[in-house]
Amino acid sequence: MFTYIWDKANTKLFTQGFTVLSDSLRDAAKTSGQLRFALDDFFIRQVFVKKDGGFLLTAEDYSTQSRGNNNPWNRWDYLNNYYYSPYSNYSTYYYNPYYNYYRPYSSYNTNQSTRYYYANIMILSLDKTGNLEWSRVIQKDQFDDDNENFLSFSTMNSGGEIHFLFNDDKNKNQIIANHSLAPSGVITRNPTLKSQERGYQFMPSLSKQVGASQLIIPCLYRNYICFAKIDF
């Protein structure tokens, strides 16, 4: 991983360098296959700046596969949802981690079926010089066909810890897993979040933090879009 840190006050380079990710991290992060390919499908999701000048980096194992096509990658879904705007050659607006939008039909202008895979979350802690302090992996395994609104994860920064929220696929989107990360790197698996009423499908990846300890999560109930408020 390449890190480049810019000194804004003095308008010059502070430090730059490469960090080698160990085989033990690759082994923890991979879902299958060889270690050399373990990180090929990881996308950087968010960066949290720490008070001491260091930062936390989160990445997620993400891929798509189109059925009925010899090419296992659907390029529109795989890249355009994150890097490209359909109205311009390149748009960083679509890769803003704070910009989310509801996508009822993720396969654009195609009759093919696309399966979305969202797997493990990797967390790296680096100091202000770009050196790796520790790494952690949160295990998850999610997939769906032609719809990714209920997949992936969101984070809630409560100051003392960061909560990672995602649907527990084994419970048909009725239960949200809640893992919290402490500044020391300790991950705690908290009790799951569950709706008091049946039939709600949560969309954690489209959630928005609206307060120091409050989160709004969109959800689907029958044909209605509704919202759940969570206080931590």
Protein backbone atom coordinates (compact mmCIF):
# COMPACT_ATOMS: atom_id res chain seq x y z
CA MET A 1 0.00 0.00 0.00
CA PHE A 2 1.33 3.43 -0.96
CA THR A 3 0.88 6.35 1.47
CA TYR A 4 1.48 10.01 0.64
CA ILE A 5 1.07 12.59 3.42
CA TRP A 6 0.92 16.30 2.59
CA ASP A 7 1.87 19.06 5.05
CA LYS A 8 -0.90 21.58 4.50
CA ALA A 9 0.58 24.31 6.73
CA ASN A 10 3.94 24.31 4.97
CA THR A 11 2.54 23.27 1.58
CA LYS A 12 5.04 20.48 1.04
CA LEU A 13 5.42 16.74 1.21
CA PHE A 14 5.63 15.41 4.78
CA THR A 15 6.35 11.77 4.02
CA GLN A 16 5.64 9.01 1.54
CA GLY A 17 6.34 5.31 1.33
CA PHE A 18 5.12 1.77 0.79
CA THR A 19 3.68 -0.56 3.41
CA VAL A 20 3.95 -4.30 2.85
CA LEU A 21 0.82 -6.16 3.99
CA SER A 22 1.81 -9.44 5.62
CA ASP A 23 0.72 -12.93 4.64
CA SER A 24 -1.05 -13.30 7.98
CA LEU A 25 -3.26 -10.31 7.13
CA ARG A 26 -3.90 -11.70 3.65
CA ASP A 27 -4.85 -15.05 5.15
CA ALA A 28 -7.30 -13.40 7.57
CA ALA A 29 -8.81 -11.20 4.84
CA LYS A 30 -9.26 -13.73 2.05
CA THR A 31 -12.45 -15.70 1.54
CA SER A 32 -10.91 -18.29 -0.81
CA GLY A 33 -8.05 -18.84 -3.22
CA GLN A 34 -4.35 -18.12 -2.95
CA LEU A 35 -2.75 -15.53 -0.67
CA ARG A 36 -1.28 -13.59 -3.59
CA PHE A 37 -4.81 -12.73 -4.79
CA ALA A 38 -6.35 -12.17 -1.35
CA LEU A 39 -6.51 -8.35 -1.57
CA ASP A 40 -7.30 -7.97 -5.28
CA ASP A 41 -10.99 -7.20 -4.73
CA PHE A 42 -10.64 -4.87 -1.74
CA PHE A 43 -11.86 -1.31 -2.24
CA ILE A 44 -11.01 1.57 0.11
CA ARG A 45 -14.23 2.75 1.73
CA GLN A 46 -13.40 5.32 4.41
CA VAL A 47 -10.49 7.10 6.10
CA PHE A 48 -10.74 8.34 9.70
CA VAL A 49 -8.17 10.92 10.79
CA LYS A 50 -6.92 10.51 14.37
CA LYS A 51 -5.93 13.28 16.78
CA ASP A 52 -2.26 12.32 16.70
CA GLY A 53 -2.08 12.78 12.92
CA GLY A 54 -2.46 9.10 12.09
CA PHE A 55 -5.47 7.59 10.39
CA LEU A 56 -7.66 4.51 10.11
CA LEU A 57 -8.36 3.06 6.69
CA THR A 58 -11.28 0.72 6.01
CA ALA A 59 -11.56 -1.45 2.91
CA GLU A 60 -14.13 -4.02 1.78
CA ASP A 61 -13.94 -7.13 -0.36
CA TYR A 62 -16.33 -6.35 -3.23
CA SER A 63 -16.95 -7.95 -6.62
CA THR A 64 -19.73 -8.63 -9.11
CA GLN A 65 -20.44 -11.43 -11.53
CA SER A 66 -22.76 -11.31 -14.53
CA ARG A 67 -24.57 -14.49 -15.42
CA GLY A 68 -24.71 -15.59 -19.03
CA ASN A 69 -21.50 -13.71 -19.84
CA ASN A 70 -18.06 -15.19 -20.31
CA ASN A 71 -16.62 -12.11 -18.65
CA PRO A 72 -17.05 -12.57 -14.86
CA TRP A 73 -16.99 -8.79 -14.30
CA ASN A 74 -19.89 -6.54 -15.14
CA ARG A 75 -17.91 -3.37 -15.79
CA TRP A 76 -20.82 -0.96 -15.45
CA ASP A 77 -21.80 -2.24 -12.02
CA TYR A 78 -18.26 -3.00 -10.88
CA LEU A 79 -16.61 0.36 -11.59
CA ASN A 80 -19.17 2.92 -12.69
CA ASN A 81 -21.15 2.81 -9.46
CA TYR A 82 -18.05 4.07 -7.64
CA TYR A 83 -15.80 5.96 -10.05
CA TYR A 84 -17.74 7.15 -13.09
CA SER A 85 -20.74 9.32 -13.74
CA PRO A 86 -22.97 8.39 -16.71
CA TYR A 87 -22.90 12.07 -17.67
CA SER A 88 -19.16 12.65 -17.73
CA ASN A 89 -15.88 10.86 -18.24
CA TYR A 90 -14.90 11.07 -14.59
CA SER A 91 -16.58 12.31 -11.46
CA THR A 92 -15.13 12.22 -7.96
CA TYR A 93 -18.62 13.14 -6.70
CA TYR A 94 -19.72 9.57 -7.25
CA TYR A 95 -16.84 8.28 -5.14
CA ASN A 96 -17.57 10.49 -2.16
CA PRO A 97 -18.05 8.15 0.84
CA TYR A 98 -20.66 10.57 2.22
CA TYR A 99 -22.72 10.52 -0.99
CA ASN A 100 -25.21 7.66 -1.02
CA TYR A 101 -28.18 7.07 -3.23
CA TYR A 102 -30.95 4.53 -3.55
CA ARG A 103 -30.32 2.11 -6.42
CA PRO A 104 -33.41 0.00 -7.16
CA TYR A 105 -31.93 -1.23 -10.44
CA SER A 106 -28.16 -1.59 -10.33
CA SER A 107 -27.79 -3.29 -13.72
CA TYR A 108 -27.97 -0.47 -16.27
CA ASN A 109 -29.21 -1.13 -19.83
CA THR A 110 -28.71 -4.88 -19.59
CA ASN A 111 -30.98 -7.87 -19.35
CA GLN A 112 -28.28 -9.95 -17.71
CA SER A 113 -28.44 -10.89 -14.08
CA THR A 114 -25.68 -9.51 -11.89
CA ARG A 115 -24.73 -11.01 -8.56
CA TYR A 116 -23.10 -8.71 -6.00
CA TYR A 117 -20.62 -10.03 -3.46
CA TYR A 118 -19.70 -8.03 -0.36
CA ALA A 119 -17.34 -9.90 1.94
CA ASN A 120 -14.83 -9.11 4.69
CA ILE A 121 -13.94 -5.67 6.05
CA MET A 122 -10.26 -4.84 6.55
CA ILE A 123 -9.16 -2.11 8.96
CA LEU A 124 -5.64 -0.65 8.99
CA SER A 125 -4.28 1.77 11.58
CA LEU A 126 -1.33 3.91 10.46
CA ASP A 127 0.64 6.52 12.39
CA LYS A 128 1.36 10.07 11.19
CA THR A 129 4.40 8.89 9.25
CA GLY A 130 2.42 6.23 7.37
CA ASN A 131 3.74 3.20 9.28
CA LEU A 132 1.30 0.36 9.97
CA GLU A 133 0.48 0.05 13.68
CA TRP A 134 -2.07 -2.79 13.57
CA SER A 135 -4.61 -4.42 11.30
CA ARG A 136 -7.95 -6.12 11.90
CA VAL A 137 -10.50 -8.02 9.81
CA ILE A 138 -14.25 -8.23 10.40
CA GLN A 139 -15.65 -11.37 8.82
CA LYS A 140 -18.86 -11.19 6.81
CA ASP A 141 -20.30 -12.85 3.71
CA GLN A 142 -23.06 -11.13 1.74
CA PHE A 143 -24.46 -11.51 -1.76
CA ASP A 144 -27.61 -10.68 -3.70
CA ASP A 145 -28.87 -10.71 -7.29
CA ASP A 146 -29.52 -7.45 -9.18
CA ASN A 147 -29.78 -5.44 -5.97
CA GLU A 148 -27.03 -4.24 -3.65
CA ASN A 149 -29.05 -1.87 -1.46
CA PHE A 150 -29.12 -4.29 1.47
CA LEU A 151 -25.44 -5.23 1.27
CA SER A 152 -22.14 -3.68 2.41
CA PHE A 153 -21.78 -1.78 5.70
CA SER A 154 -21.84 1.62 7.36
CA THR A 155 -19.89 3.15 10.22
CA MET A 156 -20.95 5.25 13.20
CA ASN A 157 -18.20 7.27 14.89
CA SER A 158 -19.15 7.80 18.52
CA GLY A 159 -15.78 9.31 19.46
CA GLY A 160 -14.62 6.56 21.81
CA GLU A 161 -15.22 3.82 19.25
CA ILE A 162 -16.35 3.19 15.69
CA HIS A 163 -19.35 0.96 15.07
CA PHE A 164 -19.49 -1.21 11.95
CA LEU A 165 -23.07 -2.06 10.99
CA PHE A 166 -24.20 -4.54 8.34
CA ASN A 167 -27.05 -6.93 7.65
CA ASP A 168 -26.74 -10.46 8.92
CA ASP A 169 -27.59 -12.26 5.67
CA LYS A 170 -28.56 -15.45 7.48
CA ASN A 171 -31.53 -13.64 8.99
CA LYS A 172 -32.93 -12.17 5.75
CA ASN A 173 -32.04 -8.55 6.51
CA GLN A 174 -34.05 -8.53 9.74
CA ILE A 175 -31.01 -8.24 12.02
CA ILE A 176 -28.12 -5.77 11.88
CA ALA A 177 -24.75 -6.94 13.18
CA ASN A 178 -22.92 -4.38 15.31
CA HIS A 179 -19.14 -4.61 15.78
CA SER A 180 -17.34 -1.78 17.60
CA LEU A 181 -13.68 -0.88 17.22
CA ALA A 182 -11.74 0.69 20.13
CA PRO A 183 -8.74 3.02 19.59
CA SER A 184 -6.44 0.19 20.72
CA GLY A 185 -7.69 -2.03 17.91
CA VAL A 186 -9.90 -4.28 20.05
CA ILE A 187 -13.07 -5.34 18.22
CA THR A 188 -16.17 -6.10 20.28
CA ARG A 189 -19.12 -8.00 18.88
CA ASN A 190 -22.12 -6.23 20.38
CA PRO A 191 -25.71 -7.50 20.57
CA THR A 192 -27.44 -7.31 17.20
CA LEU A 193 -29.97 -4.60 16.35
CA LYS A 194 -33.43 -5.95 15.61
CA SER A 195 -36.70 -4.38 14.57
CA GLN A 196 -39.67 -4.83 16.87
CA GLU A 197 -41.87 -5.51 13.84
CA ARG A 198 -41.43 -8.09 11.11
CA GLY A 199 -41.05 -7.33 7.42
CA TYR A 200 -38.51 -4.49 7.54
CA GLN A 201 -35.44 -4.75 5.32
CA PHE A 202 -32.61 -2.47 6.44
CA MET A 203 -30.15 -0.68 4.15
CA PRO A 204 -27.17 0.07 6.45
CA SER A 205 -24.86 1.15 3.63
CA LEU A 206 -27.20 4.09 2.90
CA SER A 207 -27.38 5.26 6.51
CA LYS A 208 -26.43 8.71 7.76
CA GLN A 209 -24.97 9.76 11.09
CA VAL A 210 -26.99 12.76 12.28
CA GLY A 211 -25.59 13.25 15.78
CA ALA A 212 -22.81 12.29 18.13
CA SER A 213 -24.59 9.04 18.96
CA GLN A 214 -27.49 8.90 16.52
CA LEU A 215 -27.91 7.18 13.16
CA ILE A 216 -30.69 7.13 10.56
CA ILE A 217 -30.99 3.93 8.51
CA PRO A 218 -33.30 3.69 5.47
CA CYS A 219 -35.36 0.53 5.24
CA LEU A 220 -37.93 -1.07 2.99
CA TYR A 221 -41.31 -2.26 4.22
CA ARG A 222 -43.43 -3.86 1.51
CA ASN A 223 -43.45 -1.10 -1.14
CA TYR A 224 -42.66 1.75 1.24
CA ILE A 225 -39.37 3.51 1.97
CA CYS A 226 -39.10 4.30 5.66
CA PHE A 227 -36.40 5.21 8.18
CA ALA A 228 -35.17 3.83 11.47
CA LYS A 229 -33.52 6.03 14.12
CA ILE A 230 -30.88 4.37 16.29
CA ASP A 231 -29.43 5.91 19.45
CA PHE A 232 -26.16 4.45 20.77
